[in-house]
Amino acid sequence: MSTSAPQSDLWLQYAQIIFQYAILSLTIALRNLTLAFNYAFQTFPQATAMATSLVLIYIAYRLLFVLARMVYSIVMGVIRTLLIAVLVLVCIAVYFRGNRFFTNDCYVLLDYARLLAADSETSQDNLLVLKRGFEKVYAMSELLLSQTFDNDSMQNSL
C-alpha cells in the first residue's frame, strides 16, 4: 500500500508552493525597483523628481477619473431605484384607489409637498397642518375598517 496524500492535499501543496514563489518574485522585484530608484535619484535628482511627479500626477488623474465614474454610476443607480420605487408605489395606489388616486389623492399629496417646501418661518405651522391632516386620515381609515368589520360580523351572524 502506498501512503500518498489525498488528491486535494496535493493540489493544496502545489498552490502553496506557487504562491510562495510568486511572493518571493514580487519581493525581489520591489527590492530591485527601490534600489534602482535610489540610484537614479542620487545620480539624476532633477530628472527623477520630474519623472516621479509625472507618474504621480497620472496616478492621481486615473484615481480621480475612476472615483468620478463610480460616483456617477452610484447617483444614476439611486435615481433609477427611486424612479422604479415611485412607479411601483403609483401602480399600487392606482390598483387600490383607482381613478380617485388621480382626481383626489394627487392634489392632496401636492399640497403636502408644497407645505413641506414652504419658508422656514411657516414650517412649524405647516407641520401642525400636516399632523392634523394625517390624524384625520388615520381616523377615517379606522372608521372605514371598523365599518368593514361590523359588516363582516353582521354577515357572519346571519
Protein backbone atom coordinates (compact mmCIF):
# COMPACT_ATOMS: atom_id res chain seq x y z
CA MET A 1 0.00 0.00 0.00
CA SER A 2 1.19 3.44 -0.83
CA THR A 3 0.98 6.20 1.73
CA SER A 4 0.40 9.06 -0.71
CA ALA A 5 -1.53 12.13 0.33
CA PRO A 6 -5.09 12.55 -0.91
CA GLN A 7 -5.55 14.38 -4.21
CA SER A 8 -6.98 17.55 -2.59
CA ASP A 9 -3.98 17.88 -0.26
CA LEU A 10 -1.61 17.52 -3.20
CA TRP A 11 -3.26 20.41 -5.05
CA LEU A 12 -3.17 22.45 -1.87
CA GLN A 13 0.56 21.84 -1.56
CA TYR A 14 1.12 22.82 -5.21
CA ALA A 15 -0.89 26.02 -4.72
CA GLN A 16 1.10 26.84 -1.60
CA ILE A 17 4.42 26.40 -3.45
CA ILE A 18 3.21 28.53 -6.39
CA PHE A 19 2.11 31.33 -4.05
CA GLN A 20 5.40 31.20 -2.18
CA TYR A 21 7.35 31.65 -5.43
CA ALA A 22 5.02 34.46 -6.54
CA ILE A 23 5.54 36.35 -3.26
CA LEU A 24 9.29 35.77 -3.44
CA SER A 25 9.39 37.12 -7.02
CA LEU A 26 7.39 40.20 -6.02
CA THR A 27 9.70 40.82 -3.08
CA ILE A 28 12.81 40.61 -5.27
CA ALA A 29 11.25 42.87 -7.95
CA LEU A 30 10.22 45.53 -5.41
CA ARG A 31 13.63 45.43 -3.75
CA ASN A 32 15.39 45.89 -7.11
CA LEU A 33 12.97 48.67 -8.10
CA THR A 34 13.67 50.50 -4.84
CA LEU A 35 17.43 50.19 -5.35
CA ALA A 36 17.16 51.43 -8.96
CA PHE A 37 15.01 54.39 -7.88
CA ASN A 38 17.51 55.35 -5.14
CA TYR A 39 20.42 55.11 -7.60
CA ALA A 40 18.56 57.21 -10.19
CA PHE A 41 17.61 59.81 -7.58
CA GLN A 42 21.22 60.11 -6.39
CA THR A 43 22.62 60.25 -9.92
CA PHE A 44 19.95 62.35 -11.68
CA PRO A 45 17.92 64.15 -8.99
CA GLN A 46 16.09 66.64 -11.22
CA ALA A 47 15.09 64.15 -13.91
CA THR A 48 14.00 61.61 -11.31
CA ALA A 49 11.92 64.17 -9.45
CA MET A 50 10.24 65.26 -12.69
CA ALA A 51 9.55 61.68 -13.78
CA THR A 52 8.22 60.81 -10.33
CA SER A 53 5.94 63.83 -10.29
CA LEU A 54 4.61 62.94 -13.78
CA VAL A 55 3.89 59.38 -12.69
CA LEU A 56 2.16 60.57 -9.52
CA ILE A 57 0.08 63.11 -11.47
CA TYR A 58 -1.01 60.35 -13.87
CA ILE A 59 -1.92 58.05 -10.97
CA ALA A 60 -3.92 60.85 -9.30
CA TYR A 61 -5.70 61.58 -12.60
CA ARG A 62 -6.64 57.91 -13.06
CA LEU A 63 -7.85 57.62 -9.46
CA LEU A 64 -9.97 60.78 -9.75
CA PHE A 65 -11.39 59.56 -13.06
CA VAL A 66 -12.32 56.19 -11.56
CA LEU A 67 -13.78 57.92 -8.49
CA ALA A 68 -15.86 60.29 -10.63
CA ARG A 69 -17.15 57.40 -12.74
CA MET A 70 -18.03 55.44 -9.59
CA VAL A 71 -19.88 58.40 -8.05
CA TYR A 72 -21.75 58.97 -11.33
CA SER A 73 -22.85 55.33 -11.51
CA ILE A 74 -23.94 55.36 -7.85
CA VAL A 75 -26.01 58.52 -8.37
CA MET A 76 -27.58 57.09 -11.52
CA GLY A 77 -28.35 53.85 -9.68
CA VAL A 78 -30.01 55.74 -6.83
CA ILE A 79 -32.08 57.81 -9.28
CA ARG A 80 -33.15 54.68 -11.18
CA THR A 81 -34.07 52.92 -7.94
CA LEU A 82 -36.13 55.89 -6.76
CA LEU A 83 -37.93 56.15 -10.09
CA ILE A 84 -38.76 52.46 -10.08
CA ALA A 85 -39.95 52.68 -6.45
CA VAL A 86 -42.17 55.67 -7.29
CA LEU A 87 -43.55 53.82 -10.31
CA VAL A 88 -44.33 50.75 -8.22
CA LEU A 89 -45.96 52.86 -5.50
CA VAL A 90 -48.08 54.71 -8.07
CA CYS A 91 -49.15 51.40 -9.61
CA ILE A 92 -50.11 50.07 -6.17
CA ALA A 93 -52.02 53.26 -5.39
CA VAL A 94 -53.85 53.12 -8.72
CA TYR A 95 -54.67 49.47 -8.13
CA PHE A 96 -56.19 50.14 -4.73
CA ARG A 97 -57.64 53.64 -5.24
CA GLY A 98 -58.46 53.56 -8.95
CA ASN A 99 -59.41 56.84 -10.61
CA ARG A 100 -59.67 58.55 -7.20
CA PHE A 101 -55.90 58.48 -6.98
CA PHE A 102 -55.61 60.90 -9.91
CA THR A 103 -58.67 63.03 -9.12
CA ASN A 104 -58.24 63.43 -5.34
CA ASP A 105 -55.08 61.93 -3.88
CA CYS A 106 -52.53 63.57 -6.22
CA TYR A 107 -53.79 67.04 -5.33
CA VAL A 108 -53.58 66.28 -1.62
CA LEU A 109 -50.04 64.91 -1.99
CA LEU A 110 -49.01 68.00 -3.96
CA ASP A 111 -50.47 70.26 -1.26
CA TYR A 112 -48.50 68.37 1.39
CA ALA A 113 -45.34 68.71 -0.70
CA ARG A 114 -45.93 72.46 -1.06
CA LEU A 115 -46.44 72.77 2.69
CA LEU A 116 -43.16 70.98 3.36
CA ALA A 117 -41.29 73.12 0.82
CA ALA A 118 -42.54 76.43 2.24
CA ASP A 119 -40.41 79.02 4.03
CA SER A 120 -38.84 78.14 7.34
CA GLU A 121 -40.96 80.76 9.11
CA THR A 122 -44.15 78.89 8.35
CA SER A 123 -42.70 75.40 8.51
CA GLN A 124 -43.82 74.88 12.13
CA ASP A 125 -47.40 75.80 11.22
CA ASN A 126 -47.18 73.59 8.15
CA LEU A 127 -46.03 70.64 10.24
CA LEU A 128 -49.02 71.14 12.54
CA VAL A 129 -51.32 71.21 9.50
CA LEU A 130 -49.72 68.02 8.20
CA LYS A 131 -50.06 66.36 11.60
CA ARG A 132 -53.76 67.26 11.77
CA GLY A 133 -54.25 66.01 8.22
CA PHE A 134 -52.57 62.71 8.97
CA GLU A 135 -54.64 62.36 12.13
CA LYS A 136 -57.80 62.88 10.06
CA VAL A 137 -56.68 60.29 7.51
CA TYR A 138 -55.87 57.84 10.30
CA ALA A 139 -59.27 58.45 11.93
CA MET A 140 -61.04 57.96 8.59
CA SER A 141 -59.16 54.71 7.92
CA GLU A 142 -60.03 53.41 11.40
CA LEU A 143 -63.66 54.33 10.77
CA LEU A 144 -63.66 52.50 7.44
CA LEU A 145 -62.00 49.46 8.96
CA SER A 146 -64.45 49.36 11.86
CA GLN A 147 -67.38 49.59 9.42
CA THR A 148 -65.89 46.77 7.36
CA PHE A 149 -65.51 44.57 10.41
CA ASP A 150 -69.03 45.47 11.58
CA ASN A 151 -70.43 44.44 8.22
CA ASP A 152 -68.46 41.18 8.29
CA SER A 153 -69.67 40.39 11.80
CA MET A 154 -73.25 41.18 10.78
CA GLN A 155 -72.99 38.85 7.77
CA ASN A 156 -71.47 36.09 9.88
CA SER A 157 -74.29 36.36 12.42
CA LEU A 158 -76.99 35.83 9.73
